[in-house]
């Protein structure tokens, strides 16, 4: 079992089964809403769920990280997404807006736990997510199938093959902050 003792347990029943291919990777999403409660309502409605939901006050765990989540698109006949050892979390907030510093600290702490637990390297194989331009999708996302299927590390939803979402949309400073915070610093 891979359940983080510091997360608040909030189990949801809609996992996608076991992983079928590796290496382990972390996928950053945004809820496109302003509250964890709003995200939970959306999960109940559409059953597209991550392993974790993160806000400024709490990290909620919905699935054991040894079971795949369902928050990524996986069109029939395309490369595996959810079941490609993708540990996913939704950050409460909007892709096109700055992220709350307390939330980013929780993201950093969660990332350090996932990295340590699943051997995920602290790198972005497809590059940092592009920041929004005037609050909108900047385009030009690197959705490399080769990177996704062969390289562990951090990915924004914007890096996942056969997906159309552009979230995470961190600024460079936000990504640098997340990657620089050690587990003992938060």
Protein backbone atom coordinates (compact mmCIF):
# COMPACT_ATOMS: atom_id res chain seq x y z
CA UNK A 1 0.00 0.00 0.00
CA UNK A 2 1.18 3.53 -0.80
CA UNK A 3 -0.86 5.85 1.37
CA UNK A 4 0.71 9.03 2.71
CA UNK A 5 0.29 9.34 6.47
CA UNK A 6 0.22 13.16 6.33
CA UNK A 7 -2.65 13.34 3.82
CA UNK A 8 -6.28 13.46 4.89
CA UNK A 9 -7.93 10.26 3.74
CA UNK A 10 -10.91 10.88 1.45
CA UNK A 11 -11.32 7.64 -0.54
CA UNK A 12 -13.15 7.67 -3.86
CA UNK A 13 -14.17 4.43 -5.66
CA UNK A 14 -13.34 5.21 -9.30
CA UNK A 15 -9.77 4.05 -9.84
CA UNK A 16 -8.67 2.67 -13.22
CA UNK A 17 -7.01 -0.52 -11.96
CA UNK A 18 -3.36 -1.44 -11.87
CA UNK A 19 -0.60 0.24 -13.81
CA UNK A 20 0.43 -1.55 -16.99
CA UNK A 21 3.60 0.33 -17.93
CA UNK A 22 6.18 2.57 -16.23
CA UNK A 23 8.26 4.49 -15.26
CA UNK A 24 6.53 6.35 -12.42
CA UNK A 25 5.74 9.99 -13.08
CA UNK A 26 3.92 12.85 -11.35
CA UNK A 27 1.14 14.65 -13.22
CA UNK A 28 0.15 18.16 -12.09
CA UNK A 29 -3.44 19.31 -12.79
CA UNK A 30 -5.58 22.29 -11.75
CA UNK A 31 -9.18 21.97 -10.60
CA UNK A 32 -10.29 25.08 -12.52
CA UNK A 33 -12.24 26.01 -9.41
CA UNK A 34 -11.71 27.90 -6.17
CA UNK A 35 -12.40 25.23 -3.55
CA UNK A 36 -11.63 21.62 -2.73
CA UNK A 37 -15.33 21.09 -2.07
CA UNK A 38 -16.11 22.17 -5.63
CA UNK A 39 -13.55 19.67 -6.93
CA UNK A 40 -15.11 16.88 -4.85
CA UNK A 41 -18.53 17.68 -6.34
CA UNK A 42 -17.04 17.46 -9.83
CA UNK A 43 -15.41 14.09 -9.03
CA UNK A 44 -18.77 12.74 -7.82
CA UNK A 45 -20.38 13.91 -11.05
CA UNK A 46 -17.85 12.85 -13.71
CA UNK A 47 -15.69 10.23 -11.90
CA UNK A 48 -12.46 11.72 -13.33
CA UNK A 49 -10.38 11.61 -10.20
CA UNK A 50 -6.75 12.13 -9.20
CA UNK A 51 -4.85 10.42 -6.39
CA UNK A 52 -4.74 13.69 -4.42
CA UNK A 53 -6.37 17.11 -4.20
CA UNK A 54 -4.21 19.93 -2.84
CA UNK A 55 -5.18 23.33 -1.46
CA UNK A 56 -3.59 25.82 0.94
CA UNK A 57 -4.84 24.03 4.04
CA UNK A 58 -4.82 20.33 3.22
CA UNK A 59 -3.70 17.48 1.00
CA UNK A 60 -6.51 14.94 0.47
CA UNK A 61 -5.72 11.41 -0.72
CA UNK A 62 -8.40 9.66 -2.78
CA UNK A 63 -6.57 6.56 -4.05
CA UNK A 64 -3.61 4.44 -3.02
CA UNK A 65 -0.79 5.48 -5.36
CA UNK A 66 -0.31 1.83 -6.39
CA UNK A 67 -3.67 2.05 -8.21
CA UNK A 68 -4.15 4.24 -11.27
CA UNK A 69 -6.35 7.35 -11.23
CA UNK A 70 -8.79 8.47 -13.95
CA UNK A 71 -8.10 12.20 -14.45
CA UNK A 72 -6.37 11.89 -17.84
CA UNK A 73 -7.99 11.32 -21.21
CA UNK A 74 -7.15 7.99 -22.87
CA UNK A 75 -8.68 7.74 -26.34
CA UNK A 76 -9.00 4.17 -27.61
CA UNK A 77 -5.96 2.92 -29.48
CA UNK A 78 -3.56 5.53 -28.04
CA UNK A 79 -0.65 5.32 -25.63
CA UNK A 80 -1.57 4.58 -22.01
CA UNK A 81 -2.11 7.66 -19.86
CA UNK A 82 -3.75 6.96 -16.49
CA UNK A 83 -2.30 3.45 -16.33
CA UNK A 84 1.21 4.60 -17.34
CA UNK A 85 2.37 4.79 -13.71
CA UNK A 86 0.98 8.33 -13.55
CA UNK A 87 0.49 9.58 -10.00
CA UNK A 88 -1.87 12.53 -10.35
CA UNK A 89 -2.98 15.43 -8.22
CA UNK A 90 -5.33 18.35 -8.71
CA UNK A 91 -4.30 21.73 -7.34
CA UNK A 92 -7.21 23.90 -6.28
CA UNK A 93 -6.96 26.92 -8.56
CA UNK A 94 -6.98 27.98 -12.17
CA UNK A 95 -4.41 27.32 -14.90
CA UNK A 96 -4.52 30.94 -16.05
CA UNK A 97 -3.96 32.55 -12.64
CA UNK A 98 -1.09 32.76 -10.12
CA UNK A 99 -0.99 29.96 -7.56
CA UNK A 100 -1.31 30.57 -3.82
CA UNK A 101 2.10 30.23 -2.04
CA UNK A 102 0.69 28.04 0.76
CA UNK A 103 -0.81 25.72 -1.86
CA UNK A 104 2.54 25.56 -3.68
CA UNK A 105 4.22 24.55 -0.40
CA UNK A 106 1.74 21.68 -0.07
CA UNK A 107 2.39 20.72 -3.69
CA UNK A 108 6.14 20.67 -3.00
CA UNK A 109 5.72 18.49 0.09
CA UNK A 110 3.50 16.06 -1.81
CA UNK A 111 5.98 15.92 -4.70
CA UNK A 112 8.86 15.07 -2.34
CA UNK A 113 6.80 12.21 -0.85
CA UNK A 114 5.86 10.81 -4.28
CA UNK A 115 9.47 11.13 -5.50
CA UNK A 116 10.78 9.26 -2.44
CA UNK A 117 8.04 6.62 -2.40
CA UNK A 118 8.02 5.79 -6.12
CA UNK A 119 11.52 6.74 -7.28
CA UNK A 120 10.34 9.65 -9.42
CA UNK A 121 13.29 11.84 -10.46
CA UNK A 122 12.98 15.59 -9.73
CA UNK A 123 13.06 16.58 -13.41
CA UNK A 124 10.59 17.76 -16.08
CA UNK A 125 11.35 15.53 -19.14
CA UNK A 126 9.16 17.65 -21.45
CA UNK A 127 10.29 20.96 -19.95
CA UNK A 128 8.54 23.21 -17.47
CA UNK A 129 4.88 23.91 -18.22
CA UNK A 130 4.48 27.09 -20.24
CA UNK A 131 2.96 29.91 -18.17
CA UNK A 132 -0.31 31.44 -19.29
CA UNK A 133 -0.32 34.41 -21.63
CA UNK A 134 -2.86 36.99 -20.45
CA UNK A 135 -4.54 34.20 -18.47
CA UNK A 136 -4.93 31.96 -21.51
CA UNK A 137 -3.44 28.80 -22.97
CA UNK A 138 0.04 29.63 -24.29
CA UNK A 139 -0.03 26.73 -26.80
CA UNK A 140 3.02 24.87 -28.08
CA UNK A 141 2.85 22.03 -25.51
CA UNK A 142 5.43 19.24 -25.62
CA UNK A 143 3.31 16.06 -25.57
CA UNK A 144 6.17 13.74 -26.53
CA UNK A 145 5.11 10.08 -26.53
CA UNK A 146 8.76 9.04 -26.19
CA UNK A 147 9.26 11.14 -23.05
CA UNK A 148 5.94 10.01 -21.56
CA UNK A 149 6.60 6.30 -22.11
CA UNK A 150 10.32 6.19 -21.23
CA UNK A 151 11.12 8.95 -18.71
CA UNK A 152 10.04 9.32 -15.12
CA UNK A 153 9.67 12.81 -13.69
CA UNK A 154 7.16 15.66 -13.48
CA UNK A 155 4.59 16.39 -16.18
CA UNK A 156 1.84 18.95 -16.43
CA UNK A 157 -1.45 17.81 -17.91
CA UNK A 158 -0.17 19.90 -20.84
CA UNK A 159 2.55 17.27 -21.45
CA UNK A 160 0.35 14.17 -21.67
CA UNK A 161 -0.02 12.59 -25.12
CA UNK A 162 -3.51 12.65 -26.68
CA UNK A 163 -4.83 15.13 -24.07
CA UNK A 164 -6.05 18.62 -24.90
CA UNK A 165 -5.91 20.30 -21.49
CA UNK A 166 -3.21 22.90 -20.89
CA UNK A 167 -3.21 22.94 -17.11
CA UNK A 168 -0.78 23.25 -14.81
CA UNK A 169 0.49 26.48 -16.29
CA UNK A 170 2.93 27.30 -13.52
CA UNK A 171 5.16 30.32 -13.99
CA UNK A 172 8.88 29.60 -13.99
CA UNK A 173 9.13 31.04 -10.46
CA UNK A 174 6.31 28.77 -9.25
CA UNK A 175 7.95 25.69 -10.78
CA UNK A 176 11.37 26.67 -9.41
CA UNK A 177 9.82 27.09 -5.95
CA UNK A 178 8.09 23.68 -6.05
CA UNK A 179 11.25 21.96 -7.19
CA UNK A 180 13.55 23.73 -4.70
CA UNK A 181 11.62 23.05 -1.50
CA UNK A 182 13.02 20.10 0.45
CA UNK A 183 10.68 17.86 2.45
CA UNK A 184 12.01 19.30 5.72
CA UNK A 185 11.49 22.91 4.58
CA UNK A 186 7.71 22.97 4.47
